[in-house]
PDB file of N, CA and C in Angstrom:
ATOM      1  N   UNK A   1       0.721  -1.058  -0.016  1.00  0.00           N
ATOM      2  CA  UNK A   1      -0.163  -0.202   0.146  1.00  0.00           C
ATOM      3  C   UNK A   1       1.060   1.319   0.076  1.00  0.00           C
ATOM      4  N   UNK A   2       2.276   1.142   0.437  1.00  0.00           N
ATOM      5  CA  UNK A   2       2.655   2.420   1.284  1.00  0.00           C
ATOM      6  C   UNK A   2       3.259   2.812  -0.435  1.00  0.00           C
ATOM      7  N   UNK A   3       3.296   1.589  -1.317  1.00  0.00           N
ATOM      8  CA  UNK A   3       4.410   1.892  -2.471  1.00  0.00           C
ATOM      9  C   UNK A   3       3.312   3.008  -3.465  1.00  0.00           C
ATOM     10  N   UNK A   4       2.214   2.044  -3.165  1.00  0.00           N
ATOM     11  CA  UNK A   4       0.850   2.378  -4.337  1.00  0.00           C
ATOM     12  C   UNK A   4       1.268   4.251  -4.084  1.00  0.00           C
ATOM     13  N   UNK A   5       0.949   4.619  -2.623  1.00  0.00           N
ATOM     14  CA  UNK A   5       0.890   5.838  -2.425  1.00  0.00           C
ATOM     15  C   UNK A   5       2.306   6.505  -2.507  1.00  0.00           C
ATOM     16  N   UNK A   6       3.470   6.363  -2.615  1.00  0.00           N
ATOM     17  CA  UNK A   6       4.171   6.994  -2.962  1.00  0.00           C
ATOM     18  C   UNK A   6       4.014   6.640  -4.811  1.00  0.00           C
ATOM     19  N   UNK A   7       4.577   6.465  -5.735  1.00  0.00           N
ATOM     20  CA  UNK A   7       3.836   6.662  -6.942  1.00  0.00           C
ATOM     21  C   UNK A   7       2.923   6.960  -7.301  1.00  0.00           C
ATOM     22  N   UNK A   8       1.563   7.363  -6.387  1.00  0.00           N
ATOM     23  CA  UNK A   8       0.825   8.224  -6.784  1.00  0.00           C
ATOM     24  C   UNK A   8       1.158   9.736  -6.903  1.00  0.00           C
ATOM     25  N   UNK A   9       1.856  10.334  -5.347  1.00  0.00           N
ATOM     26  CA  UNK A   9       1.967  11.262  -4.886  1.00  0.00           C
ATOM     27  C   UNK A   9       3.218  11.546  -5.847  1.00  0.00           C
ATOM     28  N   UNK A  10       4.505  10.625  -6.067  1.00  0.00           N
ATOM     29  CA  UNK A  10       5.047  11.188  -7.847  1.00  0.00           C
ATOM     30  C   UNK A  10       4.108  11.134  -8.717  1.00  0.00           C
ATOM     31  N   UNK A  11       3.347  11.082  -9.400  1.00  0.00           N
ATOM     32  CA  UNK A  11       2.392  11.797 -10.278  1.00  0.00           C
ATOM     33  C   UNK A  11       1.751  12.944 -10.167  1.00  0.00           C
ATOM     34  N   UNK A  12       1.699  12.932  -9.564  1.00  0.00           N
ATOM     35  CA  UNK A  12       0.548  13.605  -8.849  1.00  0.00           C
ATOM     36  C   UNK A  12       1.517  15.429  -8.876  1.00  0.00           C
ATOM     37  N   UNK A  13       3.033  15.019  -7.996  1.00  0.00           N
ATOM     38  CA  UNK A  13       3.848  15.957  -8.092  1.00  0.00           C
ATOM     39  C   UNK A  13       3.863  16.133  -9.705  1.00  0.00           C
ATOM     40  N   UNK A  14       4.471  15.327 -10.425  1.00  0.00           N
ATOM     41  CA  UNK A  14       4.882  15.457 -11.603  1.00  0.00           C
ATOM     42  C   UNK A  14       4.160  16.247 -12.478  1.00  0.00           C
ATOM     43  N   UNK A  15       2.750  16.401 -12.251  1.00  0.00           N
ATOM     44  CA  UNK A  15       1.763  17.026 -13.468  1.00  0.00           C
ATOM     45  C   UNK A  15       1.396  17.766 -12.867  1.00  0.00           C
ATOM     46  N   UNK A  16       1.595  18.779 -11.432  1.00  0.00           N
ATOM     47  CA  UNK A  16       1.069  19.354 -11.263  1.00  0.00           C
ATOM     48  C   UNK A  16       2.649  20.483 -11.751  1.00  0.00           C
ATOM     49  N   UNK A  17       3.840  19.982 -12.093  1.00  0.00           N
ATOM     50  CA  UNK A  17       4.975  20.636 -12.393  1.00  0.00           C
ATOM     51  C   UNK A  17       5.078  20.857 -13.719  1.00  0.00           C
ATOM     52  N   UNK A  18       4.634  20.797 -14.560  1.00  0.00           N
ATOM     53  CA  UNK A  18       4.070  20.327 -16.191  1.00  0.00           C
ATOM     54  C   UNK A  18       4.139  21.847 -16.690  1.00  0.00           C
ATOM     55  N   UNK A  19       4.548  22.712 -17.394  1.00  0.00           N
ATOM     56  CA  UNK A  19       5.145  24.527 -17.967  1.00  0.00           C
ATOM     57  C   UNK A  19       3.568  23.595 -19.062  1.00  0.00           C
ATOM     58  N   UNK A  20       2.824  24.718 -18.797  1.00  0.00           N
ATOM     59  CA  UNK A  20       2.198  25.340 -20.245  1.00  0.00           C
ATOM     60  C   UNK A  20       2.296  25.011 -21.239  1.00  0.00           C
ATOM     61  N   UNK A  21       1.567  23.965 -22.072  1.00  0.00           N
ATOM     62  CA  UNK A  21       1.622  24.363 -24.057  1.00  0.00           C
ATOM     63  C   UNK A  21       2.176  25.428 -24.273  1.00  0.00           C
ATOM     64  N   UNK A  22       3.006  26.096 -24.749  1.00  0.00           N
ATOM     65  CA  UNK A  22       2.824  26.953 -25.679  1.00  0.00           C
ATOM     66  C   UNK A  22       2.386  27.337 -26.501  1.00  0.00           C
ATOM     67  N   UNK A  23       0.955  26.484 -27.765  1.00  0.00           N
ATOM     68  CA  UNK A  23      -0.039  27.580 -27.738  1.00  0.00           C
ATOM     69  C   UNK A  23      -0.989  27.420 -27.260  1.00  0.00           C
ATOM     70  N   UNK A  24      -0.685  27.658 -26.125  1.00  0.00           N
ATOM     71  CA  UNK A  24      -2.644  27.789 -25.337  1.00  0.00           C
ATOM     72  C   UNK A  24      -1.890  29.612 -24.464  1.00  0.00           C
ATOM     73  N   UNK A  25      -0.667  29.667 -24.930  1.00  0.00           N
ATOM     74  CA  UNK A  25      -0.342  31.359 -24.484  1.00  0.00           C
ATOM     75  C   UNK A  25      -0.335  31.922 -25.114  1.00  0.00           C
ATOM     76  N   UNK A  26      -0.465  32.044 -26.891  1.00  0.00           N
ATOM     77  CA  UNK A  26      -1.463  32.488 -28.599  1.00  0.00           C
ATOM     78  C   UNK A  26      -1.684  31.615 -28.674  1.00  0.00           C
ATOM     79  N   UNK A  27      -3.010  31.743 -28.895  1.00  0.00           N
ATOM     80  CA  UNK A  27      -4.190  30.785 -29.622  1.00  0.00           C
ATOM     81  C   UNK A  27      -4.418  31.145 -31.153  1.00  0.00           C
ATOM     82  N   UNK A  28      -4.418  29.820 -32.519  1.00  0.00           N
ATOM     83  CA  UNK A  28      -3.957  30.037 -33.328  1.00  0.00           C
ATOM     84  C   UNK A  28      -5.984  30.494 -34.309  1.00  0.00           C
ATOM     85  N   UNK A  29      -4.559  31.893 -34.799  1.00  0.00           N
ATOM     86  CA  UNK A  29      -6.951  31.816 -35.783  1.00  0.00           C
ATOM     87  C   UNK A  29      -6.727  31.776 -37.556  1.00  0.00           C
ATOM     88  N   UNK A  30      -7.938  30.856 -37.607  1.00  0.00           N
ATOM     89  CA  UNK A  30      -7.506  31.416 -39.029  1.00  0.00           C
ATOM     90  C   UNK A  30      -9.256  31.978 -40.075  1.00  0.00           C
ATOM     91  N   UNK A  31      -8.174  32.934 -40.290  1.00  0.00           N
ATOM     92  CA  UNK A  31      -9.396  33.904 -40.981  1.00  0.00           C
ATOM     93  C   UNK A  31      -9.124  34.095 -42.178  1.00  0.00           C
ATOM     94  N   UNK A  32     -10.172  35.634 -43.299  1.00  0.00           N
ATOM     95  CA  UNK A  32      -9.599  35.776 -44.622  1.00  0.00           C
ATOM     96  C   UNK A  32      -9.209  37.103 -43.876  1.00  0.00           C
ATOM     97  N   UNK A  33      -7.784  37.458 -44.620  1.00  0.00           N
ATOM     98  CA  UNK A  33      -6.845  39.235 -43.921  1.00  0.00           C
ATOM     99  C   UNK A  33      -7.462  39.816 -45.224  1.00  0.00           C
ATOM    100  N   UNK A  34      -7.462  41.422 -44.576  1.00  0.00           N
ATOM    101  CA  UNK A  34      -7.311  42.226 -45.772  1.00  0.00           C
ATOM    102  C   UNK A  34      -6.825  43.315 -45.153  1.00  0.00           C
ATOM    103  N   UNK A  35      -5.677  44.206 -45.538  1.00  0.00           N
ATOM    104  CA  UNK A  35      -5.022  45.176 -45.121  1.00  0.00           C
ATOM    105  C   UNK A  35      -5.717  46.053 -46.305  1.00  0.00           C
ATOM    106  N   UNK A  36      -6.000  47.878 -45.927  1.00  0.00           N
ATOM    107  CA  UNK A  36      -6.423  48.558 -46.600  1.00  0.00           C
ATOM    108  C   UNK A  36      -6.184  50.128 -46.867  1.00  0.00           C
ATOM    109  N   UNK A  37      -6.157  51.280 -46.850  1.00  0.00           N
ATOM    110  CA  UNK A  37      -6.718  52.430 -46.555  1.00  0.00           C
ATOM    111  C   UNK A  37      -6.821  52.124 -44.674  1.00  0.00           C
ATOM    112  N   UNK A  38      -5.495  51.854 -44.152  1.00  0.00           N
ATOM    113  CA  UNK A  38      -4.152  51.727 -42.892  1.00  0.00           C
ATOM    114  C   UNK A  38      -5.778  51.275 -41.423  1.00  0.00           C
ATOM    115  N   UNK A  39      -6.258  50.589 -42.461  1.00  0.00           N
ATOM    116  CA  UNK A  39      -7.107  49.404 -41.369  1.00  0.00           C
ATOM    117  C   UNK A  39      -7.185  48.068 -41.541  1.00  0.00           C
ATOM    118  N   UNK A  40      -6.819  46.978 -41.049  1.00  0.00           N
ATOM    119  CA  UNK A  40      -6.832  45.920 -40.786  1.00  0.00           C
ATOM    120  C   UNK A  40      -8.009  45.067 -40.739  1.00  0.00           C
ATOM    121  N   UNK A  41      -8.357  43.823 -41.476  1.00  0.00           N
ATOM    122  CA  UNK A  41      -9.451  43.455 -40.833  1.00  0.00           C
ATOM    123  C   UNK A  41      -8.948  41.844 -40.609  1.00  0.00           C
ATOM    124  N   UNK A  42      -9.641  40.861 -39.811  1.00  0.00           N
ATOM    125  CA  UNK A  42      -9.682  39.294 -39.564  1.00  0.00           C
ATOM    126  C   UNK A  42     -11.435  39.249 -39.891  1.00  0.00           C
ATOM    127  N   UNK A  43     -11.474  38.125 -40.436  1.00  0.00           N
ATOM    128  CA  UNK A  43     -12.963  37.395 -40.456  1.00  0.00           C
ATOM    129  C   UNK A  43     -12.954  35.696 -40.378  1.00  0.00           C
ATOM    130  N   UNK A  44     -12.927  35.587 -39.515  1.00  0.00           N
ATOM    131  CA  UNK A  44     -12.995  34.140 -38.990  1.00  0.00           C
ATOM    132  C   UNK A  44     -14.385  33.449 -39.586  1.00  0.00           C
ATOM    133  N   UNK A  45     -15.143  34.492 -39.836  1.00  0.00           N
ATOM    134  CA  UNK A  45     -16.081  33.239 -39.824  1.00  0.00           C
ATOM    135  C   UNK A  45     -17.685  33.364 -38.505  1.00  0.00           C
ATOM    136  N   UNK A  46     -17.070  33.445 -37.901  1.00  0.00           N
ATOM    137  CA  UNK A  46     -17.443  33.856 -36.828  1.00  0.00           C
ATOM    138  C   UNK A  46     -17.869  35.094 -35.819  1.00  0.00           C
ATOM    139  N   UNK A  47     -15.929  35.504 -35.589  1.00  0.00           N
ATOM    140  CA  UNK A  47     -15.781  36.986 -35.410  1.00  0.00           C
ATOM    141  C   UNK A  47     -15.015  38.498 -36.484  1.00  0.00           C
ATOM    142  N   UNK A  48     -15.426  38.947 -35.456  1.00  0.00           N
ATOM    143  CA  UNK A  48     -14.246  39.778 -37.139  1.00  0.00           C
ATOM    144  C   UNK A  48     -13.735  40.385 -36.822  1.00  0.00           C
ATOM    145  N   UNK A  49     -12.354  40.628 -36.694  1.00  0.00           N
ATOM    146  CA  UNK A  49     -11.092  41.142 -35.663  1.00  0.00           C
ATOM    147  C   UNK A  49     -10.459  42.925 -36.407  1.00  0.00           C
ATOM    148  N   UNK A  50     -10.347  43.379 -35.764  1.00  0.00           N
ATOM    149  CA  UNK A  50      -9.705  44.473 -36.112  1.00  0.00           C
ATOM    150  C   UNK A  50      -8.320  43.532 -35.865  1.00  0.00           C
ATOM    151  N   UNK A  51      -7.275  44.109 -36.116  1.00  0.00           N
ATOM    152  CA  UNK A  51      -5.904  43.966 -36.045  1.00  0.00           C
ATOM    153  C   UNK A  51      -5.033  44.841 -36.201  1.00  0.00           C
ATOM    154  N   UNK A  52      -4.027  44.892 -34.935  1.00  0.00           N
ATOM    155  CA  UNK A  52      -3.652  46.212 -34.604  1.00  0.00           C
ATOM    156  C   UNK A  52      -1.835  46.080 -35.226  1.00  0.00           C
ATOM    157  N   UNK A  53      -2.186  47.184 -36.545  1.00  0.00           N
ATOM    158  CA  UNK A  53      -1.360  47.525 -36.840  1.00  0.00           C
ATOM    159  C   UNK A  53       0.333  47.543 -37.483  1.00  0.00           C
ATOM    160  N   UNK A  54       1.236  47.150 -36.907  1.00  0.00           N
ATOM    161  CA  UNK A  54       2.627  47.221 -36.249  1.00  0.00           C
ATOM    162  C   UNK A  54       3.519  46.720 -37.452  1.00  0.00           C
ATOM    163  N   UNK A  55       4.804  45.856 -37.442  1.00  0.00           N
ATOM    164  CA  UNK A  55       5.589  45.179 -38.004  1.00  0.00           C
ATOM    165  C   UNK A  55       5.419  44.630 -38.461  1.00  0.00           C
ATOM    166  N   UNK A  56       4.098  43.246 -37.334  1.00  0.00           N
ATOM    167  CA  UNK A  56       4.205  41.716 -38.240  1.00  0.00           C
ATOM    168  C   UNK A  56       2.949  41.887 -39.187  1.00  0.00           C
ATOM    169  N   UNK A  57       2.138  42.649 -38.736  1.00  0.00           N
ATOM    170  CA  UNK A  57       0.816  43.014 -39.046  1.00  0.00           C
ATOM    171  C   UNK A  57       1.332  43.409 -41.215  1.00  0.00           C
ATOM    172  N   UNK A  58       2.169  44.461 -41.410  1.00  0.00           N
ATOM    173  CA  UNK A  58       2.583  44.560 -42.017  1.00  0.00           C
ATOM    174  C   UNK A  58       3.584  43.853 -43.005  1.00  0.00           C
ATOM    175  N   UNK A  59       4.271  42.508 -42.454  1.00  0.00           N
ATOM    176  CA  UNK A  59       4.605  41.421 -42.385  1.00  0.00           C
ATOM    177  C   UNK A  59       4.168  40.653 -43.444  1.00  0.00           C
ATOM    178  N   UNK A  60       2.319  40.141 -42.184  1.00  0.00           N
ATOM    179  CA  UNK A  60       1.570  39.370 -43.773  1.00  0.00           C
ATOM    180  C   UNK A  60       0.888  39.446 -44.271  1.00  0.00           C
ATOM    181  N   UNK A  61       0.419  41.431 -44.789  1.00  0.00           N
ATOM    182  CA  UNK A  61       0.089  41.769 -45.594  1.00  0.00           C
ATOM    183  C   UNK A  61       1.349  42.271 -46.633  1.00  0.00           C
ATOM    184  N   UNK A  62       2.562  42.543 -46.652  1.00  0.00           N
ATOM    185  CA  UNK A  62       3.805  41.793 -47.222  1.00  0.00           C
ATOM    186  C   UNK A  62       3.480  40.373 -48.309  1.00  0.00           C
ATOM    187  N   UNK A  63       3.123  39.142 -47.037  1.00  0.00           N
ATOM    188  CA  UNK A  63       3.243  38.554 -47.812  1.00  0.00           C
ATOM    189  C   UNK A  63       1.616  37.241 -49.023  1.00  0.00           C
ATOM    190  N   UNK A  64       0.904  38.840 -48.471  1.00  0.00           N
ATOM    191  CA  UNK A  64      -0.618  38.205 -49.252  1.00  0.00           C
ATOM    192  C   UNK A  64      -0.337  39.137 -50.321  1.00  0.00           C
ATOM    193  N   UNK A  65      -0.145  40.121 -50.485  1.00  0.00           N
ATOM    194  CA  UNK A  65      -0.082  40.255 -51.843  1.00  0.00           C
ATOM    195  C   UNK A  65       0.647  39.572 -53.278  1.00  0.00           C
ATOM    196  N   UNK A  66       1.524  39.605 -52.940  1.00  0.00           N
ATOM    197  CA  UNK A  66       1.365  39.111 -54.103  1.00  0.00           C
ATOM    198  C   UNK A  66       0.240  37.861 -55.054  1.00  0.00           C
ATOM    199  N   UNK A  67      -0.034  37.419 -53.142  1.00  0.00           N
ATOM    200  CA  UNK A  67      -1.732  36.562 -54.013  1.00  0.00           C
ATOM    201  C   UNK A  67      -2.674  36.885 -54.522  1.00  0.00           C
ATOM    202  N   UNK A  68      -2.602  37.642 -54.276  1.00  0.00           N
ATOM    203  CA  UNK A  68      -3.656  39.967 -54.520  1.00  0.00           C
ATOM    204  C   UNK A  68      -4.126  38.877 -55.610  1.00  0.00           C
ATOM    205  N   UNK A  69      -6.219  39.521 -56.700  1.00  0.00           N
ATOM    206  CA  UNK A  69      -6.068  39.402 -57.234  1.00  0.00           C
ATOM    207  C   UNK A  69      -6.427  40.810 -57.435  1.00  0.00           C
ATOM    208  N   UNK A  70      -6.384  41.591 -56.701  1.00  0.00           N
ATOM    209  CA  UNK A  70      -7.285  42.930 -56.060  1.00  0.00           C
ATOM    210  C   UNK A  70      -6.119  43.633 -55.252  1.00  0.00           C
ATOM    211  N   UNK A  71      -6.909  44.699 -55.113  1.00  0.00           N
ATOM    212  CA  UNK A  71      -7.070  45.210 -53.509  1.00  0.00           C
ATOM    213  C   UNK A  71      -7.641  45.202 -53.164  1.00  0.00           C
ATOM    214  N   UNK A  72      -9.042  44.299 -53.012  1.00  0.00           N
ATOM    215  CA  UNK A  72      -9.724  43.654 -51.920  1.00  0.00           C
ATOM    216  C   UNK A  72      -9.862  42.733 -51.838  1.00  0.00           C
ATOM    217  N   UNK A  73      -9.155  42.468 -51.546  1.00  0.00           N
ATOM    218  CA  UNK A  73      -9.504  40.234 -52.065  1.00  0.00           C
ATOM    219  C   UNK A  73      -8.441  39.792 -51.039  1.00  0.00           C
ATOM    220  N   UNK A  74      -9.481  39.482 -50.243  1.00  0.00           N
ATOM    221  CA  UNK A  74      -9.351  38.727 -48.845  1.00  0.00           C
ATOM    222  C   UNK A  74      -8.173  37.158 -49.017  1.00  0.00           C
ATOM    223  N   UNK A  75      -7.450  37.388 -47.965  1.00  0.00           N
ATOM    224  CA  UNK A  75      -6.720  36.268 -47.767  1.00  0.00           C
ATOM    225  C   UNK A  75      -6.509  35.252 -46.979  1.00  0.00           C
ATOM    226  N   UNK A  76      -6.688  34.062 -46.998  1.00  0.00           N
ATOM    227  CA  UNK A  76      -7.589  33.241 -46.184  1.00  0.00           C
ATOM    228  C   UNK A  76      -5.991  32.516 -44.958  1.00  0.00           C
ATOM    229  N   UNK A  77      -5.321  32.693 -43.790  1.00  0.00           N
ATOM    230  CA  UNK A  77      -4.478  33.164 -42.651  1.00  0.00           C
ATOM    231  C   UNK A  77      -4.483  31.854 -41.981  1.00  0.00           C
ATOM    232  N   UNK A  78      -3.591  31.540 -41.158  1.00  0.00           N
ATOM    233  CA  UNK A  78      -3.370  30.645 -39.623  1.00  0.00           C
ATOM    234  C   UNK A  78      -2.270  32.236 -39.631  1.00  0.00           C
ATOM    235  N   UNK A  79      -2.668  31.944 -38.050  1.00  0.00           N
ATOM    236  CA  UNK A  79      -2.342  33.515 -37.309  1.00  0.00           C
ATOM    237  C   UNK A  79      -1.890  32.934 -35.712  1.00  0.00           C
ATOM    238  N   UNK A  80      -1.346  33.563 -34.886  1.00  0.00           N
ATOM    239  CA  UNK A  80      -1.274  33.348 -33.672  1.00  0.00           C
ATOM    240  C   UNK A  80      -1.279  34.872 -33.272  1.00  0.00           C
ATOM    241  N   UNK A  81      -1.912  35.130 -32.671  1.00  0.00           N
ATOM    242  CA  UNK A  81      -1.898  36.185 -31.508  1.00  0.00           C
ATOM    243  C   UNK A  81      -2.987  36.045 -30.904  1.00  0.00           C
ATOM    244  N   UNK A  82      -2.867  37.689 -30.383  1.00  0.00           N
ATOM    245  CA  UNK A  82      -3.763  37.685 -28.587  1.00  0.00           C
ATOM    246  C   UNK A  82      -4.696  38.560 -28.648  1.00  0.00           C
ATOM    247  N   UNK A  83      -5.783  38.432 -28.347  1.00  0.00           N
ATOM    248  CA  UNK A  83      -7.007  39.153 -28.626  1.00  0.00           C
ATOM    249  C   UNK A  83      -6.580  40.409 -27.479  1.00  0.00           C
ATOM    250  N   UNK A  84      -7.682  41.691 -27.513  1.00  0.00           N
ATOM    251  CA  UNK A  84      -7.646  42.382 -27.034  1.00  0.00           C
ATOM    252  C   UNK A  84      -8.670  43.845 -26.809  1.00  0.00           C
ATOM    253  N   UNK A  85      -9.023  44.213 -26.482  1.00  0.00           N
ATOM    254  CA  UNK A  85     -10.183  45.287 -26.266  1.00  0.00           C
ATOM    255  C   UNK A  85      -9.606  46.235 -26.947  1.00  0.00           C
ATOM    256  N   UNK A  86     -10.451  47.145 -28.097  1.00  0.00           N
ATOM    257  CA  UNK A  86      -9.860  48.066 -28.782  1.00  0.00           C
ATOM    258  C   UNK A  86     -10.236  49.458 -27.746  1.00  0.00           C
ATOM    259  N   UNK A  87      -9.339  49.794 -27.124  1.00  0.00           N
ATOM    260  CA  UNK A  87      -9.022  51.357 -26.033  1.00  0.00           C
ATOM    261  C   UNK A  87      -9.137  52.168 -27.619  1.00  0.00           C
ATOM    262  N   UNK A  88      -9.275  52.430 -28.627  1.00  0.00           N
ATOM    263  CA  UNK A  88     -10.108  53.703 -29.301  1.00  0.00           C
ATOM    264  C   UNK A  88     -10.675  53.901 -29.009  1.00  0.00           C
ATOM    265  N   UNK A  89     -11.914  54.848 -30.052  1.00  0.00           N
ATOM    266  CA  UNK A  89     -13.195  55.393 -29.981  1.00  0.00           C
ATOM    267  C   UNK A  89     -13.692  54.807 -31.144  1.00  0.00           C
ATOM    268  N   UNK A  90     -12.896  54.143 -31.744  1.00  0.00           N
ATOM    269  CA  UNK A  90     -12.986  54.149 -34.063  1.00  0.00           C
ATOM    270  C   UNK A  90     -12.582  52.793 -33.897  1.00  0.00           C
ATOM    271  N   UNK A  91     -13.842  51.426 -34.831  1.00  0.00           N
ATOM    272  CA  UNK A  91     -13.342  50.818 -35.276  1.00  0.00           C
ATOM    273  C   UNK A  91     -13.313  49.516 -34.953  1.00  0.00           C
ATOM    274  N   UNK A  92     -13.175  47.821 -34.578  1.00  0.00           N
ATOM    275  CA  UNK A  92     -13.656  46.937 -33.874  1.00  0.00           C
ATOM    276  C   UNK A  92     -13.791  46.801 -32.345  1.00  0.00           C
ATOM    277  N   UNK A  93     -14.779  46.666 -32.418  1.00  0.00           N
ATOM    278  CA  UNK A  93     -14.872  46.541 -30.808  1.00  0.00           C
ATOM    279  C   UNK A  93     -13.730  45.583 -29.818  1.00  0.00           C
ATOM    280  N   UNK A  94     -12.843  44.133 -31.013  1.00  0.00           N
ATOM    281  CA  UNK A  94     -11.685  43.499 -30.418  1.00  0.00           C
ATOM    282  C   UNK A  94     -11.043  43.465 -31.077  1.00  0.00           C
ATOM    283  N   UNK A  95      -9.563  44.191 -30.967  1.00  0.00           N
ATOM    284  CA  UNK A  95      -8.903  43.023 -31.803  1.00  0.00           C
ATOM    285  C   UNK A  95      -7.898  42.635 -31.640  1.00  0.00           C
ATOM    286  N   UNK A  96      -7.447  42.105 -32.557  1.00  0.00           N
ATOM    287  CA  UNK A  96      -6.121  41.293 -32.258  1.00  0.00           C
ATOM    288  C   UNK A  96      -4.243  41.742 -33.115  1.00  0.00           C
ATOM    289  N   UNK A  97      -3.483  41.448 -31.805  1.00  0.00           N
ATOM    290  CA  UNK A  97      -2.150  41.679 -32.105  1.00  0.00           C
ATOM    291  C   UNK A  97      -1.047  40.704 -32.570  1.00  0.00           C
ATOM    292  N   UNK A  98      -0.914  40.571 -34.126  1.00  0.00           N
ATOM    293  CA  UNK A  98      -0.189  39.023 -33.872  1.00  0.00           C
ATOM    294  C   UNK A  98       1.050  38.673 -33.627  1.00  0.00           C
ATOM    295  N   UNK A  99       1.243  37.476 -33.340  1.00  0.00           N
ATOM    296  CA  UNK A  99       2.724  37.079 -32.725  1.00  0.00           C
ATOM    297  C   UNK A  99       3.834  36.277 -34.220  1.00  0.00           C
ATOM    298  N   UNK A 100       2.379  35.740 -33.665  1.00  0.00           N
ATOM    299  CA  UNK A 100       3.312  35.143 -35.143  1.00  0.00           C
ATOM    300  C   UNK A 100       2.859  34.624 -36.690  1.00  0.00           C
ATOM    301  N   UNK A 101       2.847  33.937 -38.061  1.00  0.00           N
ATOM    302  CA  UNK A 101       2.408  33.771 -39.191  1.00  0.00           C
ATOM    303  C   UNK A 101       2.565  32.340 -39.497  1.00  0.00           C
ATOM    304  N   UNK A 102       1.707  32.374 -39.276  1.00  0.00           N
ATOM    305  CA  UNK A 102       2.148  30.641 -39.799  1.00  0.00           C
ATOM    306  C   UNK A 102       1.889  30.058 -40.891  1.00  0.00           C
ATOM    307  N   UNK A 103       0.864  30.364 -41.369  1.00  0.00           N
ATOM    308  CA  UNK A 103       0.936  29.818 -43.149  1.00  0.00           C
ATOM    309  C   UNK A 103      -0.245  30.361 -43.925  1.00  0.00           C
ATOM    310  N   UNK A 104      -0.096  30.755 -45.369  1.00  0.00           N
ATOM    311  CA  UNK A 104      -1.521  30.805 -45.569  1.00  0.00           C
ATOM    312  C   UNK A 104      -1.615  30.335 -46.825  1.00  0.00           C
ATOM    313  N   UNK A 105      -2.854  30.553 -47.058  1.00  0.00           N
ATOM    314  CA  UNK A 105      -3.560  29.951 -47.878  1.00  0.00           C
ATOM    315  C   UNK A 105      -3.991  30.669 -49.700  1.00  0.00           C
ATOM    316  N   UNK A 106      -2.523  30.095 -50.330  1.00  0.00           N
ATOM    317  CA  UNK A 106      -3.333  30.161 -51.984  1.00  0.00           C
ATOM    318  C   UNK A 106      -4.908  30.915 -52.889  1.00  0.00           C
ATOM    319  N   UNK A 107      -5.448  32.145 -52.128  1.00  0.00           N
ATOM    320  CA  UNK A 107      -6.621  30.958 -52.555  1.00  0.00           C
ATOM    321  C   UNK A 107      -6.865  30.909 -54.209  1.00  0.00           C
ATOM    322  N   UNK A 108      -6.181  30.288 -55.563  1.00  0.00           N
ATOM    323  CA  UNK A 108      -6.183  30.065 -56.571  1.00  0.00           C
ATOM    324  C   UNK A 108      -6.138  28.750 -56.881  1.00  0.00           C
ATOM    325  N   UNK A 109      -5.212  28.504 -56.133  1.00  0.00           N
ATOM    326  CA  UNK A 109      -5.170  27.227 -56.191  1.00  0.00           C
ATOM    327  C   UNK A 109      -5.166  25.500 -54.865  1.00  0.00           C
ATOM    328  N   UNK A 110      -5.796  27.089 -53.811  1.00  0.00           N
ATOM    329  CA  UNK A 110      -5.416  26.198 -52.381  1.00  0.00           C
ATOM    330  C   UNK A 110      -4.131  25.839 -51.291  1.00  0.00           C
ATOM    331  N   UNK A 111      -2.913  26.186 -52.200  1.00  0.00           N
ATOM    332  CA  UNK A 111      -2.271  25.069 -51.577  1.00  0.00           C
ATOM    333  C   UNK A 111      -1.135  25.972 -50.428  1.00  0.00           C
ATOM    334  N   UNK A 112      -1.464  25.713 -49.528  1.00  0.00           N
ATOM    335  CA  UNK A 112      -0.233  25.931 -48.549  1.00  0.00           C
ATOM    336  C   UNK A 112       1.026  27.236 -48.495  1.00  0.00           C
ATOM    337  N   UNK A 113       1.241  28.047 -48.223  1.00  0.00           N
ATOM    338  CA  UNK A 113       2.198  28.230 -48.448  1.00  0.00           C
ATOM    339  C   UNK A 113       3.604  29.085 -47.054  1.00  0.00           C
ATOM    340  N   UNK A 114       3.864  29.197 -46.880  1.00  0.00           N
ATOM    341  CA  UNK A 114       4.281  28.227 -45.104  1.00  0.00           C
ATOM    342  C   UNK A 114       5.829  29.770 -45.532  1.00  0.00           C
ATOM    343  N   UNK A 115       5.736  30.838 -44.094  1.00  0.00           N
ATOM    344  CA  UNK A 115       6.598  32.273 -44.257  1.00  0.00           C
ATOM    345  C   UNK A 115       7.967  31.486 -43.804  1.00  0.00           C
ATOM    346  N   UNK A 116       9.341  32.107 -44.301  1.00  0.00           N
ATOM    347  CA  UNK A 116      10.763  31.733 -43.906  1.00  0.00           C
ATOM    348  C   UNK A 116      11.586  32.027 -42.883  1.00  0.00           C
TER     349      UNK A 116
END
C-alpha cells in the first residue's frame, strides 16, 4: 500500500509541475485577412476582428500582396495572436495583435504557403 501511495504522490507532483504549452499562450486563428487604407481586419467566419497595425501585420500584408487578384481580395491565413479590447474610439470592439504568422492559403490553387 505504501508503494502505491508514493507512486501516486510522485505522479501528482509531476503533473503539477508541467509547464503549459506555448500554443495555449497565443491561440491560433484562421481567417481571411485584408489590409486596405490604413485598416486591417481578420474575418474568422464567426467573428470579425480589427488587426493591430504593427511590424507583424505589415509582414503578413507583404506575404499576401502577391496572392491578391485585386486590392479588395481577402487572403486566408493562419496566425497566432492575442485578442485585446480596442481602446480607440473607432474600429472594431476587439483587435488581434499578431504574434506570429503560421501560413497562408493561396486562393487560386488552395496550396499552403509557409513563410520563412
